[in-house]
C-alpha atoms as a PDB file:
ATOM      1  CA  MET A   1       8.937   4.629 -17.114  1.00  0.00           C
ATOM      2  CA  THR A   2      10.623   5.560 -13.866  1.00  0.00           C
ATOM      3  CA  ILE A   3       9.684   7.902 -11.065  1.00  0.00           C
ATOM      4  CA  GLU A   4      13.289   8.674 -10.085  1.00  0.00           C
ATOM      5  CA  LYS A   5      14.034  10.744 -13.190  1.00  0.00           C
ATOM      6  CA  ASN A   6      11.244  13.194 -12.257  1.00  0.00           C
ATOM      7  CA  LEU A   7      12.328  13.800  -8.658  1.00  0.00           C
ATOM      8  CA  VAL A   8      13.425  17.245  -7.524  1.00  0.00           C
ATOM      9  CA  ALA A   9      16.321  18.083  -5.209  1.00  0.00           C
ATOM     10  CA  ASP A  10      16.158  16.392  -1.781  1.00  0.00           C
ATOM     11  CA  GLU A  11      13.053  14.402  -2.802  1.00  0.00           C
ATOM     12  CA  THR A  12      13.116  10.648  -2.087  1.00  0.00           C
ATOM     13  CA  VAL A  13      10.765   7.759  -2.892  1.00  0.00           C
ATOM     14  CA  LYS A  14       9.098   6.370   0.246  1.00  0.00           C
ATOM     15  CA  PHE A  15       6.790   3.760  -1.318  1.00  0.00           C
ATOM     16  CA  GLU A  16       6.458   2.484  -4.874  1.00  0.00           C
ATOM     17  CA  THR A  17       4.061   0.009  -6.463  1.00  0.00           C
ATOM     18  CA  LYS A  18       2.950  -1.271  -9.872  1.00  0.00           C
ATOM     19  CA  LYS A  19      -0.237  -2.274 -11.601  1.00  0.00           C
ATOM     20  CA  HIS A  20      -1.521  -5.703 -10.568  1.00  0.00           C
ATOM     21  CA  TRP A  21      -1.250  -8.613 -12.993  1.00  0.00           C
ATOM     22  CA  PHE A  22      -5.053  -8.642 -13.176  1.00  0.00           C
ATOM     23  CA  ALA A  23      -4.980  -5.206 -14.867  1.00  0.00           C
ATOM     24  CA  PRO A  24      -4.147  -6.405 -18.432  1.00  0.00           C
ATOM     25  CA  ILE A  25      -6.753  -9.180 -18.130  1.00  0.00           C
ATOM     26  CA  GLN A  26      -9.396  -6.657 -17.083  1.00  0.00           C
ATOM     27  CA  ALA A  27      -8.380  -4.221 -19.834  1.00  0.00           C
ATOM     28  CA  SER A  28      -8.298  -6.970 -22.504  1.00  0.00           C
ATOM     29  CA  PHE A  29     -11.856  -8.247 -22.048  1.00  0.00           C
ATOM     30  CA  VAL A  30     -13.058  -6.833 -25.401  1.00  0.00           C
ATOM     31  CA  ALA A  31      -9.851  -7.933 -27.144  1.00  0.00           C
ATOM     32  CA  ILE A  32     -10.356 -11.500 -25.927  1.00  0.00           C
ATOM     33  CA  LEU A  33     -13.924 -11.425 -27.254  1.00  0.00           C
ATOM     34  CA  MET A  34     -12.553 -10.280 -30.621  1.00  0.00           C
ATOM     35  CA  VAL A  35     -10.209 -13.269 -30.832  1.00  0.00           C
ATOM     36  CA  LEU A  36     -12.972 -15.690 -29.790  1.00  0.00           C
ATOM     37  CA  GLY A  37     -15.345 -14.110 -32.316  1.00  0.00           C
ATOM     38  CA  ALA A  38     -12.758 -14.570 -35.061  1.00  0.00           C
ATOM     39  CA  GLY A  39     -12.552 -18.252 -34.221  1.00  0.00           C
ATOM     40  CA  LEU A  40     -16.328 -18.553 -34.365  1.00  0.00           C
ATOM     41  CA  LEU A  41     -16.432 -16.833 -37.781  1.00  0.00           C
ATOM     42  CA  ARG A  42     -13.861 -19.292 -39.092  1.00  0.00           C
ATOM     43  CA  LEU A  43     -16.074 -22.170 -38.022  1.00  0.00           C
ATOM     44  CA  ILE A  44     -19.161 -20.854 -39.822  1.00  0.00           C
ATOM     45  CA  SER A  45     -17.315 -19.528 -42.882  1.00  0.00           C
ATOM     46  CA  PRO A  46     -18.821 -21.145 -46.027  1.00  0.00           C
ATOM     47  CA  ASN A  47     -16.606 -23.058 -48.433  1.00  0.00           C
ATOM     48  CA  GLY A  48     -16.897 -23.725 -52.134  1.00  0.00           C
ATOM     49  CA  ASP A  49     -16.866 -21.824 -55.401  1.00  0.00           C
ATOM     50  CA  GLY A  50     -18.940 -18.975 -56.738  1.00  0.00           C
ATOM     51  CA  PHE A  51     -20.955 -16.782 -54.407  1.00  0.00           C
ATOM     52  CA  PHE A  52     -20.355 -18.913 -51.284  1.00  0.00           C
ATOM     53  CA  GLY A  53     -16.652 -18.944 -51.966  1.00  0.00           C
ATOM     54  CA  TRP A  54     -16.663 -15.128 -52.211  1.00  0.00           C
ATOM     55  CA  VAL A  55     -18.602 -14.828 -48.930  1.00  0.00           C
ATOM     56  CA  GLY A  56     -16.168 -17.243 -47.286  1.00  0.00           C
ATOM     57  CA  SER A  57     -13.218 -15.111 -48.389  1.00  0.00           C
ATOM     58  CA  ILE A  58     -14.820 -11.973 -46.900  1.00  0.00           C
ATOM     59  CA  VAL A  59     -15.518 -13.781 -43.615  1.00  0.00           C
ATOM     60  CA  ASP A  60     -11.921 -15.040 -43.516  1.00  0.00           C
ATOM     61  CA  LEU A  61     -10.607 -11.489 -43.960  1.00  0.00           C
ATOM     62  CA  ILE A  62     -12.859 -10.243 -41.151  1.00  0.00           C
ATOM     63  CA  SER A  63     -11.656 -13.067 -38.926  1.00  0.00           C
ATOM     64  CA  LEU A  64      -8.024 -12.229 -39.672  1.00  0.00           C
ATOM     65  CA  GLY A  65      -8.645  -8.548 -38.855  1.00  0.00           C
ATOM     66  CA  LEU A  66     -10.295  -9.460 -35.554  1.00  0.00           C
ATOM     67  CA  VAL A  67      -7.431 -11.768 -34.588  1.00  0.00           C
ATOM     68  CA  LEU A  68      -4.718  -9.236 -35.425  1.00  0.00           C
ATOM     69  CA  GLY A  69      -6.605  -6.404 -33.731  1.00  0.00           C
ATOM     70  CA  GLY A  70      -7.353  -8.448 -30.623  1.00  0.00           C
ATOM     71  CA  ILE A  71      -3.793  -9.747 -30.244  1.00  0.00           C
ATOM     72  CA  GLY A  72      -2.339  -6.261 -30.796  1.00  0.00           C
ATOM     73  CA  TRP A  73      -4.682  -4.839 -28.173  1.00  0.00           C
ATOM     74  CA  ILE A  74      -3.682  -7.522 -25.661  1.00  0.00           C
ATOM     75  CA  ILE A  75       0.036  -6.902 -26.285  1.00  0.00           C
ATOM     76  CA  TYR A  76      -0.484  -3.165 -25.776  1.00  0.00           C
ATOM     77  CA  ASN A  77      -2.260  -3.771 -22.461  1.00  0.00           C
ATOM     78  CA  ILE A  78       0.569  -6.044 -21.294  1.00  0.00           C
ATOM     79  CA  ILE A  79       3.223  -3.431 -22.149  1.00  0.00           C
ATOM     80  CA  GLU A  80       1.194  -0.713 -20.412  1.00  0.00           C
ATOM     81  CA  TRP A  81       0.875  -2.934 -17.340  1.00  0.00           C
ATOM     82  CA  ARG A  82       4.625  -3.571 -17.225  1.00  0.00           C
ATOM     83  CA  THR A  83       5.569   0.114 -17.520  1.00  0.00           C
ATOM     84  CA  ALA A  84       3.042   1.720 -15.120  1.00  0.00           C
ATOM     85  CA  THR A  85       4.508   3.029 -11.842  1.00  0.00           C
ATOM     86  CA  PHE A  86       2.932   4.697  -8.813  1.00  0.00           C
ATOM     87  CA  ALA A  87       4.904   6.221  -5.938  1.00  0.00           C
ATOM     88  CA  VAL A  88       4.707   8.199  -2.718  1.00  0.00           C
ATOM     89  CA  THR A  89       7.702  10.485  -2.223  1.00  0.00           C
ATOM     90  CA  SER A  90       8.709  12.780   0.586  1.00  0.00           C
ATOM     91  CA  LEU A  91       6.867  15.623  -1.214  1.00  0.00           C
ATOM     92  CA  ARG A  92       4.373  14.223  -3.745  1.00  0.00           C
ATOM     93  CA  VAL A  93       2.101  11.405  -4.913  1.00  0.00           C
ATOM     94  CA  MET A  94       3.201  10.493  -8.450  1.00  0.00           C
ATOM     95  CA  ARG A  95       1.920   8.360 -11.338  1.00  0.00           C
ATOM     96  CA  GLU A  96       3.462   7.393 -14.700  1.00  0.00           C
ATOM     97  CA  GLU A  97       1.475   5.106 -17.026  1.00  0.00           C
ATOM     98  CA  GLY A  98       0.262   4.699 -20.593  1.00  0.00           C
ATOM     99  CA  LEU A  99       1.968   4.505 -23.977  1.00  0.00           C
ATOM    100  CA  LEU A 100      -0.129   6.020 -26.774  1.00  0.00           C
ATOM    101  CA  LYS A 101      -2.137   7.899 -24.163  1.00  0.00           C
ATOM    102  CA  HIS A 102       0.490   8.769 -21.579  1.00  0.00           C
ATOM    103  CA  ARG A 103      -0.839   9.728 -18.166  1.00  0.00           C
ATOM    104  CA  SER A 104       1.450  11.494 -15.738  1.00  0.00           C
ATOM    105  CA  SER A 105       0.467  13.257 -12.526  1.00  0.00           C
ATOM    106  CA  ALA A 106       2.162  14.614  -9.408  1.00  0.00           C
ATOM    107  CA  THR A 107       0.121  15.910  -6.475  1.00  0.00           C
ATOM    108  CA  MET A 108       1.779  17.729  -3.603  1.00  0.00           C
ATOM    109  CA  LEU A 109       1.203  16.058  -0.233  1.00  0.00           C
ATOM    110  CA  SER A 110       0.558  19.460   1.313  1.00  0.00           C
ATOM    111  CA  SER A 111      -2.444  19.987  -1.009  1.00  0.00           C
ATOM    112  CA  LEU A 112      -4.111  16.612  -0.325  1.00  0.00           C
ATOM    113  CA  SER A 113      -7.363  16.689   1.632  1.00  0.00           C
ATOM    114  CA  ASP A 114      -8.273  12.977   1.625  1.00  0.00           C
ATOM    115  CA  VAL A 115      -7.295   9.582   0.226  1.00  0.00           C
ATOM    116  CA  LYS A 116      -9.544   6.536  -0.177  1.00  0.00           C
ATOM    117  CA  THR A 117      -9.286   2.945  -1.409  1.00  0.00           C
ATOM    118  CA  ASP A 118     -11.810   1.189  -3.634  1.00  0.00           C
ATOM    119  CA  GLN A 119     -11.607  -2.623  -3.738  1.00  0.00           C
ATOM    120  CA  SER A 120     -13.994  -5.117  -5.302  1.00  0.00           C
ATOM    121  CA  PHE A 121     -14.504  -8.612  -3.894  1.00  0.00           C
ATOM    122  CA  ILE A 122     -11.938 -10.027  -6.337  1.00  0.00           C
ATOM    123  CA  GLY A 123      -9.579  -7.171  -5.522  1.00  0.00           C
ATOM    124  CA  LYS A 124      -9.663  -7.991  -1.819  1.00  0.00           C
ATOM    125  CA  GLN A 125      -8.864 -11.628  -2.546  1.00  0.00           C
ATOM    126  CA  LEU A 126      -5.993 -10.828  -4.944  1.00  0.00           C
ATOM    127  CA  ALA A 127      -4.677  -7.729  -3.083  1.00  0.00           C
ATOM    128  CA  PHE A 128      -5.372  -5.064  -5.722  1.00  0.00           C
ATOM    129  CA  GLY A 129      -7.653  -2.054  -5.959  1.00  0.00           C
ATOM    130  CA  ASP A 130      -8.041   1.614  -6.856  1.00  0.00           C
ATOM    131  CA  ILE A 131      -6.644   4.596  -4.955  1.00  0.00           C
ATOM    132  CA  VAL A 132      -8.638   7.852  -5.088  1.00  0.00           C
ATOM    133  CA  ILE A 133      -6.903  11.027  -3.897  1.00  0.00           C
ATOM    134  CA  TYR A 134      -8.645  14.345  -3.271  1.00  0.00           C
ATOM    135  CA  SER A 135      -6.932  17.710  -3.235  1.00  0.00           C
ATOM    136  CA  GLN A 136      -8.074  21.066  -1.878  1.00  0.00           C
ATOM    137  CA  SER A 137      -9.198  22.130  -5.377  1.00  0.00           C
ATOM    138  CA  GLY A 138     -12.335  19.946  -5.053  1.00  0.00           C
ATOM    139  CA  ASN A 139     -13.636  17.667  -7.830  1.00  0.00           C
ATOM    140  CA  ALA A 140     -11.127  19.114 -10.287  1.00  0.00           C
ATOM    141  CA  GLY A 141      -8.330  17.692  -8.155  1.00  0.00           C
ATOM    142  CA  VAL A 142      -9.653  14.117  -7.893  1.00  0.00           C
ATOM    143  CA  ASP A 143      -7.214  11.523  -9.261  1.00  0.00           C
ATOM    144  CA  ARG A 144      -7.738   7.733  -9.459  1.00  0.00           C
ATOM    145  CA  PHE A 145      -5.004   5.105  -9.696  1.00  0.00           C
ATOM    146  CA  ARG A 146      -6.649   1.953 -11.053  1.00  0.00           C
ATOM    147  CA  THR A 147      -5.873  -1.713 -10.333  1.00  0.00           C
ATOM    148  CA  ILE A 148      -2.657  -1.159  -8.382  1.00  0.00           C
ATOM    149  CA  THR A 149      -0.906  -3.688  -6.172  1.00  0.00           C
ATOM    150  CA  SER A 150      -1.041  -3.207  -2.359  1.00  0.00           C
ATOM    151  CA  PRO A 151      -3.532  -0.304  -2.312  1.00  0.00           C
ATOM    152  CA  MET A 152      -3.820  -0.279   1.505  1.00  0.00           C
ATOM    153  CA  GLU A 153      -0.040   0.034   1.926  1.00  0.00           C
ATOM    154  CA  PHE A 154       0.002   2.815  -0.682  1.00  0.00           C
ATOM    155  CA  ARG A 155      -2.713   4.728   1.203  1.00  0.00           C
ATOM    156  CA  ASN A 156      -0.911   4.254   4.526  1.00  0.00           C
ATOM    157  CA  ALA A 157       2.295   5.619   2.992  1.00  0.00           C
ATOM    158  CA  ILE A 158       0.445   8.752   1.867  1.00  0.00           C
ATOM    159  CA  VAL A 159      -1.056   9.270   5.330  1.00  0.00           C
ATOM    160  CA  THR A 160       2.314   8.697   7.015  1.00  0.00           C
ATOM    161  CA  GLN A 161       4.151  11.195   4.816  1.00  0.00           C
ATOM    162  CA  LYS A 162       1.387  13.804   5.132  1.00  0.00           C
ATOM    163  CA  SER A 163       1.373  13.434   8.922  1.00  0.00           C
ATOM    164  CA  GLY A 164       5.155  13.796   8.978  1.00  0.00           C
ATOM    165  CA  GLN A 165       4.916  17.060   7.034  1.00  0.00           C
ATOM    166  CA  ALA A 166       2.298  18.390   9.442  1.00  0.00           C
ATOM    167  CA  ALA A 167       4.315  17.580  12.601  1.00  0.00           C
ATOM    168  CA  PRO A 168       6.016  20.664  14.111  1.00  0.00           C
ATOM    169  CA  ALA A 169       9.762  20.949  14.453  1.00  0.00           C
ATOM    170  CA  ALA A 170      11.169  20.158  17.883  1.00  0.00           C
ATOM    171  CA  THR A 171      11.624  23.247  20.027  1.00  0.00           C
ATOM    172  CA  PRO A 172      14.899  23.690  21.935  1.00  0.00           C
ATOM    173  CA  PRO A 173      14.673  23.196  25.711  1.00  0.00           C
ATOM    174  CA  ILE A 174      14.268  26.355  27.770  1.00  0.00           C
ATOM    175  CA  LEU A 175      17.055  26.645  30.334  1.00  0.00           C
ATOM    176  CA  PRO A 176      16.021  27.751  33.840  1.00  0.00           C
ATOM    177  CA  ALA A 177      16.984  31.276  34.894  1.00  0.00           C
ATOM    178  CA  PRO A 178      20.000  31.494  37.238  1.00  0.00           C
ATOM    179  CA  GLU A 179      19.174  31.657  40.898  1.00  0.00           C
ATOM    180  CA  THR A 180      19.749  34.978  42.726  1.00  0.00           C
ATOM    181  CA  THR A 181      20.706  35.496  46.347  1.00  0.00           C
ATOM    182  CA  SER A 182      18.127  38.206  46.916  1.00  0.00           C
ATOM    183  CA  SER A 183      15.097  37.223  48.931  1.00  0.00           C
ATOM    184  CA  PRO A 184      11.868  37.030  46.957  1.00  0.00           C
ATOM    185  CA  ALA A 185       9.380  39.788  47.567  1.00  0.00           C
ATOM    186  CA  PRO A 186       6.330  38.705  49.518  1.00  0.00           C
ATOM    187  CA  VAL A 187       3.349  37.893  47.388  1.00  0.00           C
ATOM    188  CA  ALA A 188      -0.147  38.516  48.548  1.00  0.00           C
ATOM    189  CA  PRO A 189      -2.212  35.352  48.622  1.00  0.00           C
ATOM    190  CA  ALA A 190      -4.609  35.060  45.736  1.00  0.00           C
ATOM    191  CA  THR A 191      -6.848  32.426  44.315  1.00  0.00           C
ATOM    192  CA  ALA A 192      -5.137  31.283  41.112  1.00  0.00           C
ATOM    193  CA  ALA A 193      -6.888  29.540  38.273  1.00  0.00           C
ATOM    194  CA  PRO A 194      -6.076  25.831  38.109  1.00  0.00           C
ATOM    195  CA  ALA A 195      -3.229  25.140  35.700  1.00  0.00           C
ATOM    196  CA  SER A 196      -3.915  23.066  32.600  1.00  0.00           C
ATOM    197  CA  PRO A 197      -2.594  19.500  32.825  1.00  0.00           C
ATOM    198  CA  ALA A 198       0.824  18.998  31.277  1.00  0.00           C
ATOM    199  CA  MET A 199       1.084  17.095  27.978  1.00  0.00           C
ATOM    200  CA  SER A 200       3.711  14.694  26.756  1.00  0.00           C
ATOM    201  CA  SER A 201       5.725  15.505  23.632  1.00  0.00           C
ATOM    202  CA  ALA A 202       3.989  12.725  21.688  1.00  0.00           C
ATOM    203  CA  ASP A 203       0.498  13.988  22.634  1.00  0.00           C
ATOM    204  CA  ALA A 204       1.459  17.564  21.758  1.00  0.00           C
ATOM    205  CA  ALA A 205       2.871  16.500  18.377  1.00  0.00           C
ATOM    206  CA  THR A 206      -0.343  14.580  17.581  1.00  0.00           C
ATOM    207  CA  ALA A 207      -2.513  17.536  18.578  1.00  0.00           C
ATOM    208  CA  LEU A 208      -0.407  19.931  16.493  1.00  0.00           C
ATOM    209  CA  ALA A 209      -0.595  17.620  13.484  1.00  0.00           C
ATOM    210  CA  SER A 210      -4.392  17.565  13.780  1.00  0.00           C
ATOM    211  CA  LEU A 211      -4.490  21.366  14.041  1.00  0.00           C
ATOM    212  CA  ALA A 212      -2.240  21.693  10.987  1.00  0.00           C
ATOM    213  CA  ASP A 213      -4.529  19.381   9.017  1.00  0.00           C
ATOM    214  CA  LEU A 214      -7.553  21.504   9.999  1.00  0.00           C
ATOM    215  CA  ARG A 215      -5.672  24.619   8.913  1.00  0.00           C
ATOM    216  CA  ASP A 216      -4.743  23.022   5.542  1.00  0.00           C
ATOM    217  CA  ARG A 217      -8.385  22.116   4.954  1.00  0.00           C
ATOM    218  CA  GLY A 218      -9.487  25.656   5.775  1.00  0.00           C
ATOM    219  CA  ALA A 219     -11.470  24.596   8.860  1.00  0.00           C
ATOM    220  CA  ILE A 220      -9.524  27.068  11.025  1.00  0.00           C
ATOM    221  CA  THR A 221      -7.595  30.235  10.192  1.00  0.00           C
ATOM    222  CA  ALA A 222      -3.844  30.653  10.437  1.00  0.00           C
ATOM    223  CA  GLU A 223      -4.301  32.968  13.440  1.00  0.00           C
ATOM    224  CA  GLU A 224      -6.403  30.373  15.270  1.00  0.00           C
ATOM    225  CA  PHE A 225      -3.767  27.740  14.501  1.00  0.00           C
ATOM    226  CA  GLU A 226      -0.961  29.884  15.948  1.00  0.00           C
ATOM    227  CA  THR A 227      -3.013  30.614  19.092  1.00  0.00           C
ATOM    228  CA  LYS A 228      -3.766  26.925  19.706  1.00  0.00           C
ATOM    229  CA  LYS A 229      -0.164  26.017  18.932  1.00  0.00           C
ATOM    230  CA  ALA A 230       1.098  28.449  21.564  1.00  0.00           C
ATOM    231  CA  GLU A 231      -1.334  27.015  24.128  1.00  0.00           C
ATOM    232  CA  LEU A 232      -0.192  23.444  23.415  1.00  0.00           C
ATOM    233  CA  LEU A 233       3.509  24.343  23.620  1.00  0.00           C
ATOM    234  CA  ALA A 234       2.887  26.087  26.947  1.00  0.00           C
ATOM    235  CA  ARG A 235       1.410  22.863  28.376  1.00  0.00           C
ATOM    236  CA  MET A 236       4.436  20.703  27.476  1.00  0.00           C
END
């Protein structure tokens, strides 16, 4: 399964990862027990003729079924591991995984409200974990990507792309008005309010990104965002 075939116009993949090799081992725990149980049944299967021979034949058939079922389950988990793909694009967070039970999801970056990582002790040692993303639709929008490689890098890619979407476009420089030869009219002295300290472009962009995030979460209204935006631009 590939992410590229599901991209829309002007959408590009920024970060892509796969399931960790530990995923099929974790998913095959019951299947491994089935194979081991089949071996144990073969050891205790009675031999001989008559009733014991009949019981031994039944036990052998059960053992064969457990072996075939367990091996088939393990093969399925390996194929699912090899074909699962997770990606952060310029617009969305995407997931393609599963064979018999195909799971596909695409969440717009603009609708994300939070992203978290969940790593066990083994996951921290082997660099795998779960990614949990939250959208503005609440619990209905929670999505979990399990046992993926490089979960911290995946989360950072989401945050980077979301921050880039929230940053405002650069405003063109304002040219000074041409000087005139007329003498300025006298101005009566007055006590002016102290001007707000000027901000650098980087500080203003960071502040605007934070305001945009608050607006997307519904913490402030669109009118409040525009008012604060105008104040920040005036201080640059």
